[in-house]
Amino acid sequence: MSQSEELRRGIAQLGISLNEDTQTTLLRFLELLQKWNKVYNLTAIRDPQQMVSHHLLDSLAVIPHLWAGRWLDVGCGAGLPGLVLAISKPEWQFSLLDSNSKKTGFVQQAIIELELHNATVHCARAEAWQPAERFDGIISRAFTEMGGFLRCTRHLLASNGRWAAMKGAPEQELAGIPEGCRVEQVIRLKVPGLNAARSLVIATCEESKAI
């Protein structure tokens, strides 16, 4: 099965709607990732076919559970899920943050080549970063354990904002939630072509309202 066919089928199974131009842009992103991966080792997944399920569909699976607004992808790595979300939701704004300049360099090049006007990238550590505005949503994928994610980004969350942590089986991590924060929902996800546990943990923090 071709990458385009696997992506088309996966999108249908996820129950989301993405037009042909958007799907083409997603596949162009994978082409860039494969090209840069040969030199910079951005991701452990090197099989082009696996990249559709493990990168694109894994990132797209969270879309039905997210909300409109200003988003931050913390520990964005090679742009996952931030660039995939920015391509799929051009009406939302995305900032991508990572302390690895090699990875943010790739993300910046992808933003330029894919002409993404709703995405920016920043090279910094989350706990030290002080942007002008806070975010309605903060998302992460394989960034750190749940408690650490909330602690190092709580100063970046808007007063009514929420976190969205992409996890496998998150149960053991939930005990480490910082005081004043709470888990609103744990959503089980089924990613087409990916035989592994996937969850999205939605969390909020009362203290963010007082910052």
N, C-alpha and C. Protein backbone atom coordinates (compact mmCIF):
# COMPACT_ATOMS: atom_id res chain seq x y z
N MET A 1 0.84 -1.19 0.00
CA MET A 1 0.00 0.00 0.00
C MET A 1 0.88 1.25 0.00
N SER A 2 0.54 2.23 -0.82
CA SER A 2 1.32 3.46 -0.89
C SER A 2 1.10 4.30 0.36
N GLN A 3 2.02 5.24 0.59
CA GLN A 3 1.86 6.14 1.73
C GLN A 3 0.56 6.93 1.63
N SER A 4 0.26 7.41 0.45
CA SER A 4 -0.95 8.23 0.27
C SER A 4 -2.21 7.42 0.54
N GLU A 5 -2.23 6.16 0.12
CA GLU A 5 -3.40 5.31 0.36
C GLU A 5 -3.52 4.98 1.85
N GLU A 6 -2.39 4.68 2.49
CA GLU A 6 -2.44 4.39 3.92
C GLU A 6 -2.91 5.61 4.70
N LEU A 7 -2.45 6.79 4.31
CA LEU A 7 -2.88 8.01 4.98
C LEU A 7 -4.36 8.25 4.76
N ARG A 8 -4.82 8.08 3.54
CA ARG A 8 -6.24 8.30 3.23
C ARG A 8 -7.12 7.36 4.04
N ARG A 9 -6.75 6.09 4.09
CA ARG A 9 -7.54 5.11 4.84
C ARG A 9 -7.51 5.40 6.34
N GLY A 10 -6.33 5.76 6.82
CA GLY A 10 -6.19 6.05 8.24
C GLY A 10 -7.03 7.24 8.67
N ILE A 11 -7.04 8.28 7.85
CA ILE A 11 -7.85 9.47 8.14
C ILE A 11 -9.33 9.09 8.21
N ALA A 12 -9.77 8.27 7.29
CA ALA A 12 -11.17 7.83 7.28
C ALA A 12 -11.49 7.03 8.55
N GLN A 13 -10.56 6.16 8.97
CA GLN A 13 -10.79 5.37 10.18
C GLN A 13 -10.81 6.23 11.43
N LEU A 14 -10.07 7.32 11.42
CA LEU A 14 -10.07 8.23 12.57
C LEU A 14 -11.31 9.10 12.61
N GLY A 15 -12.03 9.15 11.52
CA GLY A 15 -13.25 9.93 11.47
C GLY A 15 -13.04 11.43 11.36
N ILE A 16 -11.89 11.83 10.81
CA ILE A 16 -11.63 13.26 10.62
C ILE A 16 -11.66 13.58 9.12
N SER A 17 -11.77 14.86 8.81
CA SER A 17 -11.88 15.28 7.42
C SER A 17 -10.70 16.17 7.06
N LEU A 18 -9.88 15.71 6.12
CA LEU A 18 -8.76 16.49 5.61
C LEU A 18 -8.78 16.44 4.10
N ASN A 19 -8.75 17.60 3.45
CA ASN A 19 -8.84 17.62 1.99
C ASN A 19 -7.54 17.11 1.34
N GLU A 20 -7.60 16.96 0.03
CA GLU A 20 -6.47 16.38 -0.71
C GLU A 20 -5.21 17.23 -0.57
N ASP A 21 -5.36 18.56 -0.60
CA ASP A 21 -4.20 19.43 -0.48
C ASP A 21 -3.51 19.25 0.87
N THR A 22 -4.32 19.10 1.92
CA THR A 22 -3.76 18.90 3.26
C THR A 22 -3.03 17.57 3.33
N GLN A 23 -3.62 16.53 2.76
CA GLN A 23 -2.97 15.22 2.76
C GLN A 23 -1.66 15.26 1.98
N THR A 24 -1.64 15.99 0.89
CA THR A 24 -0.42 16.14 0.10
C THR A 24 0.67 16.84 0.91
N THR A 25 0.29 17.88 1.66
CA THR A 25 1.25 18.61 2.49
C THR A 25 1.80 17.72 3.60
N LEU A 26 0.95 16.88 4.18
CA LEU A 26 1.41 15.94 5.21
C LEU A 26 2.45 14.98 4.65
N LEU A 27 2.23 14.51 3.44
CA LEU A 27 3.19 13.59 2.82
C LEU A 27 4.48 14.31 2.43
N ARG A 28 4.37 15.58 2.07
CA ARG A 28 5.57 16.38 1.79
C ARG A 28 6.39 16.55 3.07
N PHE A 29 5.71 16.72 4.20
CA PHE A 29 6.40 16.79 5.47
C PHE A 29 7.18 15.50 5.73
N LEU A 30 6.57 14.36 5.46
CA LEU A 30 7.27 13.09 5.64
C LEU A 30 8.49 12.99 4.72
N GLU A 31 8.37 13.48 3.50
CA GLU A 31 9.51 13.47 2.57
C GLU A 31 10.67 14.27 3.15
N LEU A 32 10.37 15.45 3.69
CA LEU A 32 11.41 16.27 4.31
C LEU A 32 12.03 15.55 5.50
N LEU A 33 11.18 14.92 6.31
CA LEU A 33 11.67 14.21 7.48
C LEU A 33 12.59 13.05 7.10
N GLN A 34 12.21 12.31 6.08
CA GLN A 34 13.05 11.20 5.60
C GLN A 34 14.39 11.72 5.09
N LYS A 35 14.36 12.83 4.37
CA LYS A 35 15.58 13.41 3.80
C LYS A 35 16.53 13.87 4.91
N TRP A 36 16.02 14.61 5.88
CA TRP A 36 16.86 15.12 6.96
C TRP A 36 17.28 14.01 7.91
N ASN A 37 16.45 13.00 8.03
CA ASN A 37 16.74 11.92 8.97
C ASN A 37 18.01 11.16 8.58
N LYS A 38 18.33 11.15 7.31
CA LYS A 38 19.53 10.44 6.85
C LYS A 38 20.80 11.08 7.40
N VAL A 39 20.74 12.37 7.68
CA VAL A 39 21.92 13.11 8.13
C VAL A 39 21.86 13.43 9.62
N TYR A 40 20.68 13.78 10.10
CA TYR A 40 20.58 14.33 11.46
C TYR A 40 19.94 13.40 12.48
N ASN A 41 19.48 12.23 12.05
CA ASN A 41 18.92 11.25 12.99
C ASN A 41 17.84 11.87 13.87
N LEU A 42 16.81 12.40 13.24
CA LEU A 42 15.75 13.12 13.95
C LEU A 42 14.75 12.19 14.62
N THR A 43 14.56 11.01 14.06
CA THR A 43 13.58 10.07 14.59
C THR A 43 14.08 8.65 14.40
N ALA A 44 13.72 7.77 15.32
CA ALA A 44 14.17 6.37 15.23
C ALA A 44 13.41 5.60 14.16
N ILE A 45 12.24 6.10 13.78
CA ILE A 45 11.44 5.44 12.73
C ILE A 45 12.00 5.85 11.37
N ARG A 46 12.52 4.88 10.63
CA ARG A 46 13.13 5.18 9.33
C ARG A 46 12.38 4.57 8.15
N ASP A 47 11.55 3.59 8.42
CA ASP A 47 10.76 2.96 7.37
C ASP A 47 9.68 3.93 6.90
N PRO A 48 9.68 4.34 5.62
CA PRO A 48 8.69 5.30 5.13
C PRO A 48 7.25 4.87 5.39
N GLN A 49 6.99 3.57 5.30
CA GLN A 49 5.63 3.09 5.53
C GLN A 49 5.24 3.24 7.00
N GLN A 50 6.17 2.94 7.91
CA GLN A 50 5.89 3.09 9.33
C GLN A 50 5.67 4.54 9.72
N MET A 51 6.30 5.45 9.00
CA MET A 51 6.17 6.87 9.33
C MET A 51 4.73 7.35 9.22
N VAL A 52 3.96 6.76 8.32
CA VAL A 52 2.56 7.18 8.17
C VAL A 52 1.78 6.88 9.43
N SER A 53 1.89 5.65 9.94
CA SER A 53 1.14 5.28 11.14
C SER A 53 1.76 5.85 12.41
N HIS A 54 3.09 5.72 12.55
CA HIS A 54 3.75 6.10 13.80
C HIS A 54 3.89 7.62 13.98
N HIS A 55 3.91 8.36 12.88
CA HIS A 55 4.07 9.81 12.97
C HIS A 55 2.79 10.57 12.59
N LEU A 56 2.33 10.36 11.35
CA LEU A 56 1.17 11.14 10.90
C LEU A 56 -0.11 10.73 11.62
N LEU A 57 -0.49 9.46 11.53
CA LEU A 57 -1.77 9.03 12.10
C LEU A 57 -1.76 9.12 13.62
N ASP A 58 -0.61 8.84 14.23
CA ASP A 58 -0.49 8.96 15.68
C ASP A 58 -0.76 10.40 16.12
N SER A 59 -0.26 11.36 15.35
CA SER A 59 -0.48 12.77 15.67
C SER A 59 -1.91 13.20 15.35
N LEU A 60 -2.44 12.72 14.23
CA LEU A 60 -3.79 13.11 13.80
C LEU A 60 -4.87 12.56 14.72
N ALA A 61 -4.59 11.46 15.41
CA ALA A 61 -5.60 10.81 16.24
C ALA A 61 -6.10 11.69 17.37
N VAL A 62 -5.32 12.71 17.77
CA VAL A 62 -5.74 13.55 18.89
C VAL A 62 -6.66 14.69 18.45
N ILE A 63 -6.73 14.98 17.15
CA ILE A 63 -7.45 16.16 16.67
C ILE A 63 -8.89 16.25 17.16
N PRO A 64 -9.68 15.16 17.15
CA PRO A 64 -11.07 15.30 17.59
C PRO A 64 -11.22 15.72 19.05
N HIS A 65 -10.14 15.64 19.83
CA HIS A 65 -10.22 15.92 21.26
C HIS A 65 -9.55 17.23 21.65
N LEU A 66 -9.05 17.97 20.67
CA LEU A 66 -8.41 19.25 20.94
C LEU A 66 -9.38 20.40 20.73
N TRP A 67 -8.96 21.61 21.00
CA TRP A 67 -9.83 22.78 20.95
C TRP A 67 -9.11 23.92 20.24
N ALA A 68 -9.88 24.83 19.69
CA ALA A 68 -9.32 25.94 18.93
C ALA A 68 -8.58 26.90 19.86
N GLY A 69 -7.55 27.57 19.31
CA GLY A 69 -6.81 28.55 20.08
C GLY A 69 -5.33 28.55 19.76
N ARG A 70 -4.55 29.08 20.70
CA ARG A 70 -3.10 29.14 20.58
C ARG A 70 -2.50 27.91 21.25
N TRP A 71 -1.71 27.16 20.51
CA TRP A 71 -1.16 25.89 21.01
C TRP A 71 0.35 25.95 21.10
N LEU A 72 0.87 25.24 22.11
CA LEU A 72 2.31 25.04 22.26
C LEU A 72 2.60 23.55 22.25
N ASP A 73 3.54 23.14 21.40
CA ASP A 73 4.03 21.76 21.39
C ASP A 73 5.39 21.77 22.09
N VAL A 74 5.44 21.18 23.28
CA VAL A 74 6.66 21.18 24.09
C VAL A 74 7.47 19.92 23.83
N GLY A 75 8.77 20.09 23.60
CA GLY A 75 9.60 18.95 23.24
C GLY A 75 9.18 18.42 21.88
N CYS A 76 9.05 19.35 20.94
CA CYS A 76 8.44 19.03 19.63
C CYS A 76 9.28 18.07 18.80
N GLY A 77 10.57 17.94 19.12
CA GLY A 77 11.40 17.03 18.33
C GLY A 77 11.42 17.43 16.86
N ALA A 78 11.04 16.49 16.03
CA ALA A 78 11.02 16.73 14.58
C ALA A 78 9.70 17.33 14.11
N GLY A 79 8.94 17.91 15.04
CA GLY A 79 7.68 18.55 14.66
C GLY A 79 6.46 17.70 14.89
N LEU A 80 6.58 16.76 15.83
CA LEU A 80 5.49 15.84 16.11
C LEU A 80 5.00 16.02 17.54
N PRO A 81 3.74 16.37 17.73
CA PRO A 81 2.69 16.46 16.72
C PRO A 81 2.51 17.85 16.11
N GLY A 82 3.28 18.86 16.58
CA GLY A 82 2.99 20.25 16.25
C GLY A 82 2.84 20.57 14.78
N LEU A 83 3.77 20.12 13.94
CA LEU A 83 3.67 20.45 12.52
C LEU A 83 2.51 19.71 11.85
N VAL A 84 2.27 18.48 12.27
CA VAL A 84 1.13 17.74 11.71
C VAL A 84 -0.17 18.45 12.05
N LEU A 85 -0.28 18.94 13.28
CA LEU A 85 -1.48 19.66 13.70
C LEU A 85 -1.59 21.00 12.97
N ALA A 86 -0.47 21.69 12.80
CA ALA A 86 -0.48 22.99 12.10
C ALA A 86 -0.92 22.83 10.65
N ILE A 87 -0.47 21.77 10.02
CA ILE A 87 -0.88 21.49 8.63
C ILE A 87 -2.38 21.21 8.58
N SER A 88 -2.87 20.47 9.55
CA SER A 88 -4.26 20.01 9.54
C SER A 88 -5.24 21.05 10.05
N LYS A 89 -4.77 21.99 10.86
CA LYS A 89 -5.63 23.02 11.44
C LYS A 89 -5.05 24.41 11.15
N PRO A 90 -5.12 24.87 9.91
CA PRO A 90 -4.50 26.14 9.55
C PRO A 90 -5.11 27.35 10.24
N GLU A 91 -6.31 27.20 10.81
CA GLU A 91 -6.96 28.32 11.50
C GLU A 91 -6.50 28.45 12.95
N TRP A 92 -5.76 27.47 13.45
CA TRP A 92 -5.21 27.53 14.80
C TRP A 92 -3.75 27.99 14.72
N GLN A 93 -3.23 28.50 15.83
CA GLN A 93 -1.84 28.95 15.89
C GLN A 93 -1.00 27.96 16.71
N PHE A 94 0.21 27.66 16.23
CA PHE A 94 1.06 26.69 16.89
C PHE A 94 2.47 27.24 17.09
N SER A 95 2.96 27.12 18.32
CA SER A 95 4.36 27.37 18.62
C SER A 95 4.99 26.03 18.98
N LEU A 96 6.16 25.76 18.43
CA LEU A 96 6.86 24.51 18.70
C LEU A 96 8.14 24.82 19.44
N LEU A 97 8.37 24.08 20.53
CA LEU A 97 9.48 24.38 21.42
C LEU A 97 10.34 23.14 21.64
N ASP A 98 11.66 23.29 21.51
CA ASP A 98 12.58 22.21 21.81
C ASP A 98 13.94 22.82 22.11
N SER A 99 14.70 22.17 22.97
CA SER A 99 16.03 22.68 23.33
C SER A 99 17.13 22.16 22.42
N ASN A 100 16.77 21.28 21.48
CA ASN A 100 17.74 20.69 20.56
C ASN A 100 17.75 21.50 19.27
N SER A 101 18.83 22.23 19.02
CA SER A 101 18.90 23.13 17.87
C SER A 101 18.87 22.37 16.54
N LYS A 102 19.37 21.15 16.55
CA LYS A 102 19.32 20.33 15.33
C LYS A 102 17.87 20.08 14.93
N LYS A 103 17.05 19.78 15.91
CA LYS A 103 15.64 19.48 15.62
C LYS A 103 14.85 20.75 15.30
N THR A 104 15.10 21.83 16.03
CA THR A 104 14.38 23.07 15.71
C THR A 104 14.81 23.62 14.36
N GLY A 105 16.05 23.34 13.96
CA GLY A 105 16.50 23.74 12.63
C GLY A 105 15.71 23.04 11.54
N PHE A 106 15.46 21.76 11.73
CA PHE A 106 14.63 21.03 10.78
C PHE A 106 13.21 21.58 10.77
N VAL A 107 12.65 21.81 11.95
CA VAL A 107 11.27 22.32 12.03
C VAL A 107 11.16 23.66 11.32
N GLN A 108 12.14 24.54 11.52
CA GLN A 108 12.12 25.84 10.85
C GLN A 108 12.15 25.67 9.33
N GLN A 109 12.98 24.77 8.84
CA GLN A 109 13.06 24.54 7.40
C GLN A 109 11.75 23.98 6.87
N ALA A 110 11.12 23.08 7.63
CA ALA A 110 9.84 22.52 7.21
C ALA A 110 8.76 23.60 7.16
N ILE A 111 8.75 24.50 8.14
CA ILE A 111 7.78 25.59 8.15
C ILE A 111 7.93 26.44 6.89
N ILE A 112 9.19 26.71 6.52
CA ILE A 112 9.45 27.53 5.32
C ILE A 112 9.02 26.80 4.06
N GLU A 113 9.46 25.56 3.91
CA GLU A 113 9.20 24.82 2.67
C GLU A 113 7.73 24.47 2.50
N LEU A 114 7.04 24.24 3.60
CA LEU A 114 5.62 23.89 3.52
C LEU A 114 4.72 25.12 3.59
N GLU A 115 5.34 26.29 3.74
CA GLU A 115 4.62 27.57 3.78
C GLU A 115 3.53 27.58 4.85
N LEU A 116 3.94 27.22 6.05
CA LEU A 116 3.00 27.18 7.18
C LEU A 116 3.02 28.55 7.88
N HIS A 117 1.95 29.30 7.70
CA HIS A 117 1.89 30.66 8.26
C HIS A 117 1.33 30.67 9.68
N ASN A 118 0.94 29.53 10.18
CA ASN A 118 0.37 29.45 11.54
C ASN A 118 1.29 28.73 12.51
N ALA A 119 2.58 28.62 12.16
CA ALA A 119 3.52 27.88 13.01
C ALA A 119 4.82 28.66 13.17
N THR A 120 5.35 28.64 14.41
CA THR A 120 6.66 29.20 14.70
C THR A 120 7.43 28.20 15.55
N VAL A 121 8.75 28.29 15.55
CA VAL A 121 9.56 27.36 16.33
C VAL A 121 10.56 28.14 17.18
N HIS A 122 10.84 27.62 18.37
CA HIS A 122 11.72 28.29 19.32
C HIS A 122 12.65 27.26 19.95
N CYS A 123 13.92 27.62 20.06
CA CYS A 123 14.90 26.71 20.66
C CYS A 123 15.20 27.20 22.08
N ALA A 124 14.65 26.50 23.06
CA ALA A 124 14.83 26.87 24.46
C ALA A 124 14.33 25.74 25.34
N ARG A 125 14.71 25.78 26.61
CA ARG A 125 14.16 24.85 27.59
C ARG A 125 12.82 25.39 28.08
N ALA A 126 11.84 24.51 28.22
CA ALA A 126 10.49 24.94 28.56
C ALA A 126 10.44 25.74 29.85
N GLU A 127 11.16 25.29 30.88
CA GLU A 127 11.07 25.94 32.19
C GLU A 127 11.67 27.34 32.19
N ALA A 128 12.53 27.64 31.20
CA ALA A 128 13.18 28.95 31.14
C ALA A 128 12.56 29.88 30.11
N TRP A 129 11.68 29.36 29.29
CA TRP A 129 11.12 30.15 28.18
C TRP A 129 10.03 31.08 28.70
N GLN A 130 10.07 32.34 28.25
CA GLN A 130 9.09 33.34 28.70
C GLN A 130 8.50 34.06 27.49
N PRO A 131 7.50 33.47 26.84
CA PRO A 131 6.90 34.12 25.68
C PRO A 131 6.01 35.29 26.09
N ALA A 132 5.65 36.11 25.14
CA ALA A 132 4.82 37.28 25.43
C ALA A 132 3.40 36.89 25.83
N GLU A 133 2.90 35.81 25.27
CA GLU A 133 1.54 35.37 25.56
C GLU A 133 1.54 33.90 26.00
N ARG A 134 0.58 33.56 26.85
CA ARG A 134 0.44 32.17 27.26
C ARG A 134 -0.51 31.44 26.32
N PHE A 135 -0.68 30.14 26.54
CA PHE A 135 -1.31 29.29 25.55
C PHE A 135 -2.62 28.67 26.04
N ASP A 136 -3.55 28.52 25.09
CA ASP A 136 -4.85 27.88 25.39
C ASP A 136 -4.70 26.37 25.54
N GLY A 137 -3.70 25.83 24.88
CA GLY A 137 -3.44 24.40 24.95
C GLY A 137 -1.96 24.13 24.88
N ILE A 138 -1.48 23.21 25.70
CA ILE A 138 -0.07 22.78 25.65
C ILE A 138 -0.08 21.27 25.45
N ILE A 139 0.57 20.82 24.41
CA ILE A 139 0.58 19.40 24.06
C ILE A 139 2.00 18.87 24.08
N SER A 140 2.16 17.60 24.35
CA SER A 140 3.47 16.96 24.28
C SER A 140 3.30 15.52 23.83
N ARG A 141 4.33 15.01 23.21
CA ARG A 141 4.37 13.61 22.76
C ARG A 141 5.75 13.07 23.14
N ALA A 142 5.78 12.16 24.08
CA ALA A 142 7.05 11.55 24.52
C ALA A 142 8.03 12.60 25.01
N PHE A 143 7.54 13.60 25.75
CA PHE A 143 8.39 14.68 26.27
C PHE A 143 9.00 14.27 27.60
N THR A 144 8.18 14.03 28.59
CA THR A 144 8.63 13.58 29.90
C THR A 144 7.42 13.01 30.62
N GLU A 145 7.63 12.54 31.86
CA GLU A 145 6.49 11.98 32.59
C GLU A 145 5.50 13.10 32.92
N MET A 146 4.26 12.70 33.24
CA MET A 146 3.15 13.64 33.34
C MET A 146 3.40 14.77 34.35
N GLY A 147 3.86 14.42 35.54
CA GLY A 147 4.10 15.44 36.55
C GLY A 147 5.13 16.46 36.12
N GLY A 148 6.22 15.99 35.54
CA GLY A 148 7.27 16.89 35.06
C GLY A 148 6.79 17.80 33.95
N PHE A 149 5.96 17.27 33.06
CA PHE A 149 5.39 18.05 31.96
C PHE A 149 4.58 19.22 32.51
N LEU A 150 3.71 18.95 33.48
CA LEU A 150 2.87 20.00 34.05
C LEU A 150 3.71 21.02 34.82
N ARG A 151 4.67 20.53 35.60
CA ARG A 151 5.47 21.45 36.43
C ARG A 151 6.30 22.42 35.59
N CYS A 152 6.92 21.94 34.53
CA CYS A 152 7.84 22.80 33.77
C CYS A 152 7.13 23.70 32.76
N THR A 153 5.81 23.51 32.59
CA THR A 153 5.09 24.34 31.61
C THR A 153 3.93 25.10 32.21
N ARG A 154 3.71 25.00 33.52
CA ARG A 154 2.51 25.63 34.11
C ARG A 154 2.55 27.14 33.95
N HIS A 155 3.74 27.76 33.88
CA HIS A 155 3.83 29.21 33.68
C HIS A 155 3.49 29.62 32.25
N LEU A 156 3.34 28.66 31.37
CA LEU A 156 3.03 28.93 29.97
C LEU A 156 1.55 28.76 29.64
N LEU A 157 0.76 28.30 30.60
CA LEU A 157 -0.64 27.99 30.37
C LEU A 157 -1.52 29.20 30.65
N ALA A 158 -2.41 29.52 29.73
CA ALA A 158 -3.35 30.63 29.90
C ALA A 158 -4.34 30.30 31.02
N SER A 159 -5.06 31.31 31.48
CA SER A 159 -5.93 31.15 32.64
C SER A 159 -6.99 30.07 32.45
N ASN A 160 -7.49 29.92 31.26
CA ASN A 160 -8.49 28.89 30.98
C ASN A 160 -7.91 27.77 30.12
N GLY A 161 -6.58 27.67 30.07
CA GLY A 161 -5.94 26.68 29.22
C GLY A 161 -5.94 25.29 29.85
N ARG A 162 -5.61 24.31 29.01
CA ARG A 162 -5.52 22.93 29.46
C ARG A 162 -4.34 22.26 28.77
N TRP A 163 -3.83 21.23 29.43
CA TRP A 163 -2.78 20.41 28.85
C TRP A 163 -3.38 19.22 28.11
N ALA A 164 -2.66 18.74 27.10
CA ALA A 164 -3.03 17.52 26.39
C ALA A 164 -1.76 16.70 26.22
N ALA A 165 -1.63 15.66 27.03
CA ALA A 165 -0.41 14.84 27.02
C ALA A 165 -0.67 13.54 26.26
N MET A 166 0.10 13.31 25.21
CA MET A 166 0.00 12.08 24.43
C MET A 166 0.82 11.00 25.13
N LYS A 167 0.15 9.92 25.52
CA LYS A 167 0.78 8.88 26.30
C LYS A 167 0.44 7.50 25.75
N GLY A 168 1.16 6.49 26.26
CA GLY A 168 0.78 5.12 25.99
C GLY A 168 -0.25 4.70 27.02
N ALA A 169 0.18 3.97 28.04
CA ALA A 169 -0.68 3.64 29.18
C ALA A 169 -0.26 4.54 30.34
N PRO A 170 -1.04 5.56 30.68
CA PRO A 170 -0.57 6.62 31.58
C PRO A 170 -0.84 6.40 33.06
N GLU A 171 -1.47 5.29 33.43
CA GLU A 171 -1.98 5.15 34.79
C GLU A 171 -0.93 5.40 35.88
N GLN A 172 0.26 4.84 35.73
CA GLN A 172 1.28 4.99 36.76
C GLN A 172 1.75 6.44 36.92
N GLU A 173 1.66 7.22 35.83
CA GLU A 173 2.13 8.60 35.87
C GLU A 173 1.16 9.53 36.58
N LEU A 174 -0.10 9.14 36.65
CA LEU A 174 -1.12 10.05 37.16
C LEU A 174 -0.94 10.36 38.64
N ALA A 175 -0.26 9.49 39.36
CA ALA A 175 -0.02 9.73 40.79
C ALA A 175 0.94 10.89 41.01
N GLY A 176 1.69 11.27 39.98
CA GLY A 176 2.67 12.34 40.12
C GLY A 176 2.17 13.71 39.72
N ILE A 177 0.87 13.88 39.57
CA ILE A 177 0.31 15.17 39.20
C ILE A 177 0.59 16.19 40.30
N PRO A 178 1.10 17.38 39.97
CA PRO A 178 1.41 18.38 41.01
C PRO A 178 0.16 18.84 41.75
N GLU A 179 0.36 19.29 42.97
CA GLU A 179 -0.74 19.81 43.77
C GLU A 179 -1.37 21.01 43.08
N GLY A 180 -2.69 21.07 43.09
CA GLY A 180 -3.39 22.16 42.43
C GLY A 180 -3.77 21.86 41.00
N CYS A 181 -3.23 20.78 40.45
CA CYS A 181 -3.56 20.37 39.09
C CYS A 181 -4.43 19.11 39.16
N ARG A 182 -5.20 18.88 38.14
CA ARG A 182 -6.04 17.68 38.13
C ARG A 182 -6.23 17.17 36.71
N VAL A 183 -6.41 15.88 36.60
CA VAL A 183 -6.70 15.25 35.31
C VAL A 183 -8.20 15.34 35.05
N GLU A 184 -8.57 15.92 33.93
CA GLU A 184 -9.98 16.02 33.56
C GLU A 184 -10.47 14.75 32.88
N GLN A 185 -9.61 14.16 32.06
CA GLN A 185 -10.06 13.05 31.23
C GLN A 185 -8.87 12.26 30.72
N VAL A 186 -9.01 10.96 30.66
CA VAL A 186 -8.05 10.09 29.98
C VAL A 186 -8.79 9.44 28.81
N ILE A 187 -8.38 9.79 27.61
CA ILE A 187 -9.08 9.34 26.40
C ILE A 187 -8.26 8.24 25.74
N ARG A 188 -8.84 7.09 25.57
CA ARG A 188 -8.16 5.98 24.88
C ARG A 188 -8.25 6.20 23.38
N LEU A 189 -7.13 6.07 22.71
CA LEU A 189 -7.07 6.28 21.27
C LEU A 189 -6.74 4.98 20.55
N LYS A 190 -7.29 4.84 19.37
CA LYS A 190 -6.91 3.71 18.50
C LYS A 190 -6.35 4.29 17.22
N VAL A 191 -5.06 4.07 17.02
CA VAL A 191 -4.37 4.63 15.85
C VAL A 191 -4.28 3.56 14.77
N PRO A 192 -4.83 3.81 13.59
CA PRO A 192 -4.76 2.82 12.51
C PRO A 192 -3.32 2.43 12.18
N GLY A 193 -3.07 1.13 12.11
CA GLY A 193 -1.75 0.63 11.76
C GLY A 193 -0.76 0.62 12.90
N LEU A 194 -1.19 1.00 14.10
CA LEU A 194 -0.29 1.06 15.24
C LEU A 194 -0.80 0.13 16.33
N ASN A 195 -0.08 -0.96 16.55
CA ASN A 195 -0.51 -1.96 17.52
C ASN A 195 0.15 -1.67 18.88
N ALA A 196 -0.30 -0.58 19.49
CA ALA A 196 0.26 -0.16 20.78
C ALA A 196 -0.77 0.70 21.50
N ALA A 197 -0.67 0.72 22.84
CA ALA A 197 -1.59 1.53 23.64
C ALA A 197 -1.32 3.01 23.39
N ARG A 198 -2.38 3.76 23.22
CA ARG A 198 -2.29 5.20 23.04
C ARG A 198 -3.41 5.88 23.82
N SER A 199 -3.05 6.95 24.51
CA SER A 199 -4.03 7.71 25.30
C SER A 199 -3.72 9.19 25.18
N LEU A 200 -4.74 10.00 25.43
CA LEU A 200 -4.57 11.45 25.52
C LEU A 200 -5.09 11.86 26.90
N VAL A 201 -4.20 12.46 27.70
CA VAL A 201 -4.56 12.89 29.04
C VAL A 201 -4.80 14.39 29.03
N ILE A 202 -6.02 14.80 29.36
CA ILE A 202 -6.38 16.22 29.43
C ILE A 202 -6.30 16.65 30.90
N ALA A 203 -5.55 17.70 31.17
CA ALA A 203 -5.36 18.16 32.55
C ALA A 203 -5.49 19.68 32.63
N THR A 204 -5.80 20.15 33.83
CA THR A 204 -5.91 21.58 34.07
C THR A 204 -5.28 21.90 35.43
N CYS A 205 -5.08 23.18 35.68
CA CYS A 205 -4.44 23.58 36.93
C CYS A 205 -5.08 24.87 37.44
N GLU A 206 -5.60 24.85 38.64
CA GLU A 206 -6.23 26.02 39.21
C GLU A 206 -5.23 27.15 39.38
N GLU A 207 -3.97 26.80 39.65
CA GLU A 207 -2.97 27.83 39.89
C GLU A 207 -2.69 28.66 38.65
N SER A 208 -2.91 28.09 37.47
CA SER A 208 -2.65 28.82 36.22
C SER A 208 -3.55 30.05 36.15
N LYS A 209 -4.70 30.01 36.81
CA LYS A 209 -5.64 31.11 36.77
C LYS A 209 -5.17 32.30 37.60
N ALA A 210 -4.21 32.03 38.50
CA ALA A 210 -3.73 33.10 39.38
C ALA A 210 -2.40 33.67 38.95
N ILE A 211 -1.78 33.05 37.93
CA ILE A 211 -0.44 33.51 37.50
C ILE A 211 -0.55 34.87 36.80
